[in-house]
């Protein structure tokens, strides 16, 4: 699934201050993303809003949620805790 790639970004914002570890931007596929925390490992979270109306979340506990924009969704909990 291409929603997980933010390694090549056309635009990106930096934290507004040293206490705010929130970043956002648009990847090379034109999908918006927001990342909260220092990494994409459990304990941080990120969100993709895709051009096809689908969206994807990773929650701070490592669980993930995907909605295809057509009424279908998948939730996966992190059982490694």
PDB file of N, CA and C in Angstrom:
ATOM      1  N   UNK A   1       0.840  -1.159   0.000  1.00  0.00           N
ATOM      2  CA  UNK A   1       0.000   0.000   0.000  1.00  0.00           C
ATOM      3  C   UNK A   1       0.891   1.229   0.000  1.00  0.00           C
ATOM      4  N   UNK A   2       0.653   2.150  -0.886  1.00  0.00           N
ATOM      5  CA  UNK A   2       1.524   3.305  -1.045  1.00  0.00           C
ATOM      6  C   UNK A   2       1.272   4.390  -0.013  1.00  0.00           C
ATOM      7  N   UNK A   3       0.273   4.224   0.850  1.00  0.00           N
ATOM      8  CA  UNK A   3      -0.038   5.261   1.832  1.00  0.00           C
ATOM      9  C   UNK A   3       1.011   5.380   2.915  1.00  0.00           C
ATOM     10  N   UNK A   4       1.933   4.429   3.013  1.00  0.00           N
ATOM     11  CA  UNK A   4       2.888   4.440   4.111  1.00  0.00           C
ATOM     12  C   UNK A   4       4.211   5.102   3.769  1.00  0.00           C
ATOM     13  N   UNK A   5       4.353   5.687   2.613  1.00  0.00           N
ATOM     14  CA  UNK A   5       5.649   6.216   2.217  1.00  0.00           C
ATOM     15  C   UNK A   5       5.665   7.731   2.283  1.00  0.00           C
ATOM     16  N   UNK A   6       6.488   8.258   3.175  1.00  0.00           N
ATOM     17  CA  UNK A   6       6.662   9.707   3.207  1.00  0.00           C
ATOM     18  C   UNK A   6       8.136  10.065   3.081  1.00  0.00           C
ATOM     19  N   UNK A   7       8.916   9.167   2.476  1.00  0.00           N
ATOM     20  CA  UNK A   7      10.345   9.401   2.391  1.00  0.00           C
ATOM     21  C   UNK A   7      10.699  10.448   1.343  1.00  0.00           C
ATOM     22  N   UNK A   8       9.861  10.657   0.367  1.00  0.00           N
ATOM     23  CA  UNK A   8      10.125  11.659  -0.654  1.00  0.00           C
ATOM     24  C   UNK A   8       9.018  12.696  -0.585  1.00  0.00           C
ATOM     25  N   UNK A   9       9.306  13.844  -0.011  1.00  0.00           N
ATOM     26  CA  UNK A   9       8.279  14.839   0.230  1.00  0.00           C
ATOM     27  C   UNK A   9       8.481  16.061  -0.636  1.00  0.00           C
ATOM     28  N   UNK A  10       7.366  16.542  -1.192  1.00  0.00           N
ATOM     29  CA  UNK A  10       7.416  17.769  -1.952  1.00  0.00           C
ATOM     30  C   UNK A  10       7.368  18.982  -1.031  1.00  0.00           C
ATOM     31  N   UNK A  11       6.672  18.863   0.094  1.00  0.00           N
ATOM     32  CA  UNK A  11       6.634  19.961   1.048  1.00  0.00           C
ATOM     33  C   UNK A  11       6.524  19.386   2.447  1.00  0.00           C
ATOM     34  N   UNK A  12       7.066  20.113   3.417  1.00  0.00           N
ATOM     35  CA  UNK A  12       7.063  19.643   4.800  1.00  0.00           C
ATOM     36  C   UNK A  12       7.142  20.840   5.713  1.00  0.00           C
ATOM     37  N   UNK A  13       6.413  20.777   6.830  1.00  0.00           N
ATOM     38  CA  UNK A  13       6.512  21.813   7.846  1.00  0.00           C
ATOM     39  C   UNK A  13       7.348  21.293   8.997  1.00  0.00           C
ATOM     40  N   UNK A  14       7.987  22.164   9.698  1.00  0.00           N
ATOM     41  CA  UNK A  14       8.803  21.822  10.855  1.00  0.00           C
ATOM     42  C   UNK A  14       8.014  22.136  12.114  1.00  0.00           C
ATOM     43  N   UNK A  15       8.423  21.596  13.256  1.00  0.00           N
ATOM     44  CA  UNK A  15       7.713  21.897  14.508  1.00  0.00           C
ATOM     45  C   UNK A  15       7.664  23.399  14.766  1.00  0.00           C
ATOM     46  N   UNK A  16       6.551  23.831  15.368  1.00  0.00           N
ATOM     47  CA  UNK A  16       6.409  25.262  15.623  1.00  0.00           C
ATOM     48  C   UNK A  16       7.290  25.729  16.771  1.00  0.00           C
ATOM     49  N   UNK A  17       7.673  24.816  17.668  1.00  0.00           N
ATOM     50  CA  UNK A  17       8.613  25.139  18.729  1.00  0.00           C
ATOM     51  C   UNK A  17       9.292  23.855  19.177  1.00  0.00           C
ATOM     52  N   UNK A  18      10.243  23.947  20.086  1.00  0.00           N
ATOM     53  CA  UNK A  18      11.012  22.776  20.502  1.00  0.00           C
ATOM     54  C   UNK A  18      10.179  21.731  21.240  1.00  0.00           C
ATOM     55  N   UNK A  19       9.031  22.113  21.793  1.00  0.00           N
ATOM     56  CA  UNK A  19       8.190  21.173  22.525  1.00  0.00           C
ATOM     57  C   UNK A  19       7.130  20.521  21.647  1.00  0.00           C
ATOM     58  N   UNK A  20       7.054  20.887  20.380  1.00  0.00           N
ATOM     59  CA  UNK A  20       6.024  20.398  19.478  1.00  0.00           C
ATOM     60  C   UNK A  20       6.673  19.510  18.421  1.00  0.00           C
ATOM     61  N   UNK A  21       6.567  18.186  18.569  1.00  0.00           N
ATOM     62  CA  UNK A  21       7.142  17.258  17.605  1.00  0.00           C
ATOM     63  C   UNK A  21       6.095  16.833  16.604  1.00  0.00           C
ATOM     64  N   UNK A  22       5.482  17.782  15.931  1.00  0.00           N
ATOM     65  CA  UNK A  22       4.463  17.508  14.937  1.00  0.00           C
ATOM     66  C   UNK A  22       4.948  18.029  13.593  1.00  0.00           C
ATOM     67  N   UNK A  23       4.904  17.163  12.582  1.00  0.00           N
ATOM     68  CA  UNK A  23       5.343  17.504  11.235  1.00  0.00           C
ATOM     69  C   UNK A  23       4.215  17.185  10.270  1.00  0.00           C
ATOM     70  N   UNK A  24       4.128  17.900   9.173  1.00  0.00           N
ATOM     71  CA  UNK A  24       3.139  17.584   8.159  1.00  0.00           C
ATOM     72  C   UNK A  24       3.691  17.950   6.799  1.00  0.00           C
ATOM     73  N   UNK A  25       3.084  17.422   5.778  1.00  0.00           N
ATOM     74  CA  UNK A  25       3.534  17.707   4.429  1.00  0.00           C
ATOM     75  C   UNK A  25       2.711  16.968   3.407  1.00  0.00           C
ATOM     76  N   UNK A  26       3.209  16.962   2.183  1.00  0.00           N
ATOM     77  CA  UNK A  26       2.582  16.256   1.071  1.00  0.00           C
ATOM     78  C   UNK A  26       3.656  15.393   0.442  1.00  0.00           C
ATOM     79  N   UNK A  27       3.389  14.080   0.293  1.00  0.00           N
ATOM     80  CA  UNK A  27       4.403  13.210  -0.296  1.00  0.00           C
ATOM     81  C   UNK A  27       4.394  13.303  -1.813  1.00  0.00           C
ATOM     82  N   UNK A  28       5.291  12.579  -2.459  1.00  0.00           N
ATOM     83  CA  UNK A  28       5.441  12.679  -3.910  1.00  0.00           C
ATOM     84  C   UNK A  28       4.236  12.144  -4.673  1.00  0.00           C
ATOM     85  N   UNK A  29       3.310  11.480  -3.995  1.00  0.00           N
ATOM     86  CA  UNK A  29       2.081  11.003  -4.633  1.00  0.00           C
ATOM     87  C   UNK A  29       0.921  11.980  -4.443  1.00  0.00           C
ATOM     88  N   UNK A  30       1.185  13.111  -3.788  1.00  0.00           N
ATOM     89  CA  UNK A  30       0.166  14.122  -3.575  1.00  0.00           C
ATOM     90  C   UNK A  30      -0.721  13.868  -2.372  1.00  0.00           C
ATOM     91  N   UNK A  31      -0.317  12.949  -1.499  1.00  0.00           N
ATOM     92  CA  UNK A  31      -1.098  12.619  -0.313  1.00  0.00           C
ATOM     93  C   UNK A  31      -0.587  13.414   0.881  1.00  0.00           C
ATOM     94  N   UNK A  32      -1.515  13.950   1.666  1.00  0.00           N
ATOM     95  CA  UNK A  32      -1.153  14.711   2.864  1.00  0.00           C
ATOM     96  C   UNK A  32      -0.812  13.762   3.990  1.00  0.00           C
ATOM     97  N   UNK A  33       0.156  14.157   4.820  1.00  0.00           N
ATOM     98  CA  UNK A  33       0.527  13.339   5.969  1.00  0.00           C
ATOM     99  C   UNK A  33       0.833  14.235   7.151  1.00  0.00           C
ATOM    100  N   UNK A  34       0.620  13.688   8.342  1.00  0.00           N
ATOM    101  CA  UNK A  34       0.958  14.349   9.591  1.00  0.00           C
ATOM    102  C   UNK A  34       1.622  13.323  10.487  1.00  0.00           C
ATOM    103  N   UNK A  35       2.694  13.707  11.138  1.00  0.00           N
ATOM    104  CA  UNK A  35       3.428  12.813  12.026  1.00  0.00           C
ATOM    105  C   UNK A  35       3.593  13.500  13.368  1.00  0.00           C
ATOM    106  N   UNK A  36       3.292  12.764  14.458  1.00  0.00           N
ATOM    107  CA  UNK A  36       3.432  13.291  15.813  1.00  0.00           C
ATOM    108  C   UNK A  36       4.432  12.422  16.560  1.00  0.00           C
ATOM    109  N   UNK A  37       5.456  12.995  17.119  1.00  0.00           N
ATOM    110  CA  UNK A  37       6.448  12.253  17.881  1.00  0.00           C
ATOM    111  C   UNK A  37       7.782  12.210  17.163  1.00  0.00           C
ATOM    112  N   UNK A  38       8.713  11.448  17.733  1.00  0.00           N
ATOM    113  CA  UNK A  38      10.072  11.417  17.216  1.00  0.00           C
ATOM    114  C   UNK A  38      10.325  10.314  16.198  1.00  0.00           C
ATOM    115  N   UNK A  39       9.432   9.314  16.079  1.00  0.00           N
ATOM    116  CA  UNK A  39       9.639   8.217  15.142  1.00  0.00           C
ATOM    117  C   UNK A  39       8.298   7.613  14.763  1.00  0.00           C
ATOM    118  N   UNK A  40       8.288   6.661  13.827  1.00  0.00           N
ATOM    119  CA  UNK A  40       7.058   5.970  13.465  1.00  0.00           C
ATOM    120  C   UNK A  40       6.900   4.682  14.252  1.00  0.00           C
ATOM    121  N   UNK A  41       7.762   4.463  15.244  1.00  0.00           N
ATOM    122  CA  UNK A  41       7.656   3.300  16.125  1.00  0.00           C
ATOM    123  C   UNK A  41       6.499   3.508  17.092  1.00  0.00           C
ATOM    124  N   UNK A  42       6.007   2.434  17.728  1.00  0.00           N
ATOM    125  CA  UNK A  42       4.974   2.619  18.745  1.00  0.00           C
ATOM    126  C   UNK A  42       5.388   3.674  19.764  1.00  0.00           C
ATOM    127  N   UNK A  43       4.460   4.519  20.138  1.00  0.00           N
ATOM    128  CA  UNK A  43       4.751   5.656  20.998  1.00  0.00           C
ATOM    129  C   UNK A  43       4.622   6.953  20.228  1.00  0.00           C
ATOM    130  N   UNK A  44       4.670   6.861  18.915  1.00  0.00           N
ATOM    131  CA  UNK A  44       4.441   7.999  18.037  1.00  0.00           C
ATOM    132  C   UNK A  44       3.199   7.700  17.205  1.00  0.00           C
ATOM    133  N   UNK A  45       2.741   8.666  16.464  1.00  0.00           N
ATOM    134  CA  UNK A  45       1.583   8.430  15.619  1.00  0.00           C
ATOM    135  C   UNK A  45       1.735   9.196  14.315  1.00  0.00           C
ATOM    136  N   UNK A  46       1.055   8.708  13.302  1.00  0.00           N
ATOM    137  CA  UNK A  46       1.017   9.439  12.045  1.00  0.00           C
ATOM    138  C   UNK A  46      -0.296   9.196  11.344  1.00  0.00           C
ATOM    139  N   UNK A  47      -0.588  10.046  10.375  1.00  0.00           N
ATOM    140  CA  UNK A  47      -1.861  10.032   9.669  1.00  0.00           C
ATOM    141  C   UNK A  47      -1.625  10.400   8.213  1.00  0.00           C
ATOM    142  N   UNK A  48      -2.225   9.654   7.315  1.00  0.00           N
ATOM    143  CA  UNK A  48      -2.220   9.983   5.891  1.00  0.00           C
ATOM    144  C   UNK A  48      -3.635  10.255   5.434  1.00  0.00           C
ATOM    145  N   UNK A  49      -3.852  11.331   4.701  1.00  0.00           N
ATOM    146  CA  UNK A  49      -5.103  11.605   4.010  1.00  0.00           C
ATOM    147  C   UNK A  49      -4.786  11.543   2.528  1.00  0.00           C
ATOM    148  N   UNK A  50      -5.301  10.547   1.852  1.00  0.00           N
ATOM    149  CA  UNK A  50      -4.938  10.306   0.467  1.00  0.00           C
ATOM    150  C   UNK A  50      -5.892  10.974  -0.515  1.00  0.00           C
ATOM    151  N   UNK A  51      -5.393  11.232  -1.706  1.00  0.00           N
ATOM    152  CA  UNK A  51      -6.185  11.914  -2.734  1.00  0.00           C
ATOM    153  C   UNK A  51      -7.430  11.128  -3.131  1.00  0.00           C
ATOM    154  N   UNK A  52      -7.432   9.815  -2.933  1.00  0.00           N
ATOM    155  CA  UNK A  52      -8.591   8.994  -3.291  1.00  0.00           C
ATOM    156  C   UNK A  52      -9.594   8.887  -2.136  1.00  0.00           C
ATOM    157  N   UNK A  53      -9.507   9.784  -1.154  1.00  0.00           N
ATOM    158  CA  UNK A  53     -10.383   9.853   0.021  1.00  0.00           C
ATOM    159  C   UNK A  53     -10.129   8.759   1.054  1.00  0.00           C
ATOM    160  N   UNK A  54      -9.132   7.912   0.854  1.00  0.00           N
ATOM    161  CA  UNK A  54      -8.784   6.938   1.883  1.00  0.00           C
ATOM    162  C   UNK A  54      -7.891   7.617   2.914  1.00  0.00           C
ATOM    163  N   UNK A  55      -7.781   6.996   4.077  1.00  0.00           N
ATOM    164  CA  UNK A  55      -6.878   7.525   5.090  1.00  0.00           C
ATOM    165  C   UNK A  55      -6.338   6.402   5.949  1.00  0.00           C
ATOM    166  N   UNK A  56      -5.206   6.678   6.586  1.00  0.00           N
ATOM    167  CA  UNK A  56      -4.472   5.676   7.345  1.00  0.00           C
ATOM    168  C   UNK A  56      -3.915   6.329   8.608  1.00  0.00           C
ATOM    169  N   UNK A  57      -4.049   5.655   9.740  1.00  0.00           N
ATOM    170  CA  UNK A  57      -3.517   6.133  11.009  1.00  0.00           C
ATOM    171  C   UNK A  57      -2.609   5.080  11.635  1.00  0.00           C
ATOM    172  N   UNK A  58      -1.552   5.502  12.286  1.00  0.00           N
ATOM    173  CA  UNK A  58      -0.887   4.687  13.294  1.00  0.00           C
ATOM    174  C   UNK A  58      -1.052   5.439  14.596  1.00  0.00           C
ATOM    175  N   UNK A  59      -1.580   4.763  15.595  1.00  0.00           N
ATOM    176  CA  UNK A  59      -1.831   5.361  16.899  1.00  0.00           C
ATOM    177  C   UNK A  59      -0.606   5.218  17.792  1.00  0.00           C
ATOM    178  N   UNK A  60      -0.518   6.008  18.872  1.00  0.00           N
ATOM    179  CA  UNK A  60       0.647   5.931  19.770  1.00  0.00           C
ATOM    180  C   UNK A  60       0.891   4.539  20.343  1.00  0.00           C
ATOM    181  N   UNK A  61      -0.151   3.708  20.463  1.00  0.00           N
ATOM    182  CA  UNK A  61       0.028   2.353  20.999  1.00  0.00           C
ATOM    183  C   UNK A  61       0.483   1.351  19.938  1.00  0.00           C
ATOM    184  N   UNK A  62       0.710   1.801  18.699  1.00  0.00           N
ATOM    185  CA  UNK A  62       1.176   0.930  17.632  1.00  0.00           C
ATOM    186  C   UNK A  62       0.058   0.308  16.813  1.00  0.00           C
ATOM    187  N   UNK A  63      -1.201   0.500  17.225  1.00  0.00           N
ATOM    188  CA  UNK A  63      -2.315  -0.016  16.444  1.00  0.00           C
ATOM    189  C   UNK A  63      -2.473   0.828  15.173  1.00  0.00           C
ATOM    190  N   UNK A  64      -3.096   0.245  14.150  1.00  0.00           N
ATOM    191  CA  UNK A  64      -3.286   0.958  12.891  1.00  0.00           C
ATOM    192  C   UNK A  64      -4.745   0.900  12.463  1.00  0.00           C
ATOM    193  N   UNK A  65      -5.142   1.883  11.692  1.00  0.00           N
ATOM    194  CA  UNK A  65      -6.498   1.974  11.161  1.00  0.00           C
ATOM    195  C   UNK A  65      -6.404   2.442   9.722  1.00  0.00           C
ATOM    196  N   UNK A  66      -7.096   1.741   8.829  1.00  0.00           N
ATOM    197  CA  UNK A  66      -7.135   2.132   7.424  1.00  0.00           C
ATOM    198  C   UNK A  66      -8.585   2.181   6.967  1.00  0.00           C
ATOM    199  N   UNK A  67      -8.957   3.249   6.289  1.00  0.00           N
ATOM    200  CA  UNK A  67     -10.280   3.389   5.697  1.00  0.00           C
ATOM    201  C   UNK A  67     -10.064   3.659   4.212  1.00  0.00           C
ATOM    202  N   UNK A  68     -10.709   2.867   3.358  1.00  0.00           N
ATOM    203  CA  UNK A  68     -10.482   2.994   1.917  1.00  0.00           C
ATOM    204  C   UNK A  68     -11.278   4.126   1.272  1.00  0.00           C
ATOM    205  N   UNK A  69     -12.040   4.880   2.060  1.00  0.00           N
ATOM    206  CA  UNK A  69     -12.815   5.997   1.536  1.00  0.00           C
ATOM    207  C   UNK A  69     -14.120   5.566   0.900  1.00  0.00           C
ATOM    208  N   UNK A  70     -14.407   4.266   0.904  1.00  0.00           N
ATOM    209  CA  UNK A  70     -15.624   3.724   0.301  1.00  0.00           C
ATOM    210  C   UNK A  70     -16.459   2.966   1.324  1.00  0.00           C
ATOM    211  N   UNK A  71     -16.186   3.193   2.597  1.00  0.00           N
ATOM    212  CA  UNK A  71     -16.954   2.548   3.647  1.00  0.00           C
ATOM    213  C   UNK A  71     -16.329   1.293   4.219  1.00  0.00           C
ATOM    214  N   UNK A  72     -15.182   0.882   3.720  1.00  0.00           N
ATOM    215  CA  UNK A  72     -14.492  -0.299   4.238  1.00  0.00           C
ATOM    216  C   UNK A  72     -13.310   0.146   5.090  1.00  0.00           C
ATOM    217  N   UNK A  73     -13.143  -0.504   6.242  1.00  0.00           N
ATOM    218  CA  UNK A  73     -12.032  -0.126   7.103  1.00  0.00           C
ATOM    219  C   UNK A  73     -11.421  -1.355   7.751  1.00  0.00           C
ATOM    220  N   UNK A  74     -10.167  -1.203   8.188  1.00  0.00           N
ATOM    221  CA  UNK A  74      -9.426  -2.267   8.859  1.00  0.00           C
ATOM    222  C   UNK A  74      -8.722  -1.675  10.060  1.00  0.00           C
ATOM    223  N   UNK A  75      -8.908  -2.300  11.208  1.00  0.00           N
ATOM    224  CA  UNK A  75      -8.212  -1.897  12.429  1.00  0.00           C
ATOM    225  C   UNK A  75      -7.340  -3.064  12.865  1.00  0.00           C
ATOM    226  N   UNK A  76      -6.078  -2.800  13.166  1.00  0.00           N
ATOM    227  CA  UNK A  76      -5.162  -3.819  13.682  1.00  0.00           C
ATOM    228  C   UNK A  76      -4.566  -3.316  14.980  1.00  0.00           C
ATOM    229  N   UNK A  77      -4.762  -4.086  16.050  1.00  0.00           N
ATOM    230  CA  UNK A  77      -4.151  -3.683  17.313  1.00  0.00           C
ATOM    231  C   UNK A  77      -2.738  -4.196  17.394  1.00  0.00           C
ATOM    232  N   UNK A  78      -1.966  -3.559  18.230  1.00  0.00           N
ATOM    233  CA  UNK A  78      -0.582  -3.959  18.459  1.00  0.00           C
ATOM    234  C   UNK A  78      -0.572  -4.951  19.604  1.00  0.00           C
ATOM    235  N   UNK A  79      -0.364  -6.214  19.301  1.00  0.00           N
ATOM    236  CA  UNK A  79      -0.355  -7.256  20.326  1.00  0.00           C
ATOM    237  C   UNK A  79       1.033  -7.472  20.918  1.00  0.00           C
ATOM    238  N   UNK A  80       1.999  -6.651  20.551  1.00  0.00           N
ATOM    239  CA  UNK A  80       3.372  -6.813  21.040  1.00  0.00           C
ATOM    240  C   UNK A  80       3.643  -6.041  22.314  1.00  0.00           C
ATOM    241  N   UNK A  81       2.623  -5.575  22.990  1.00  0.00           N
ATOM    242  CA  UNK A  81       2.810  -4.795  24.215  1.00  0.00           C
ATOM    243  C   UNK A  81       2.964  -5.695  25.398  1.00  0.00           C
TER     244      UNK A  81
END
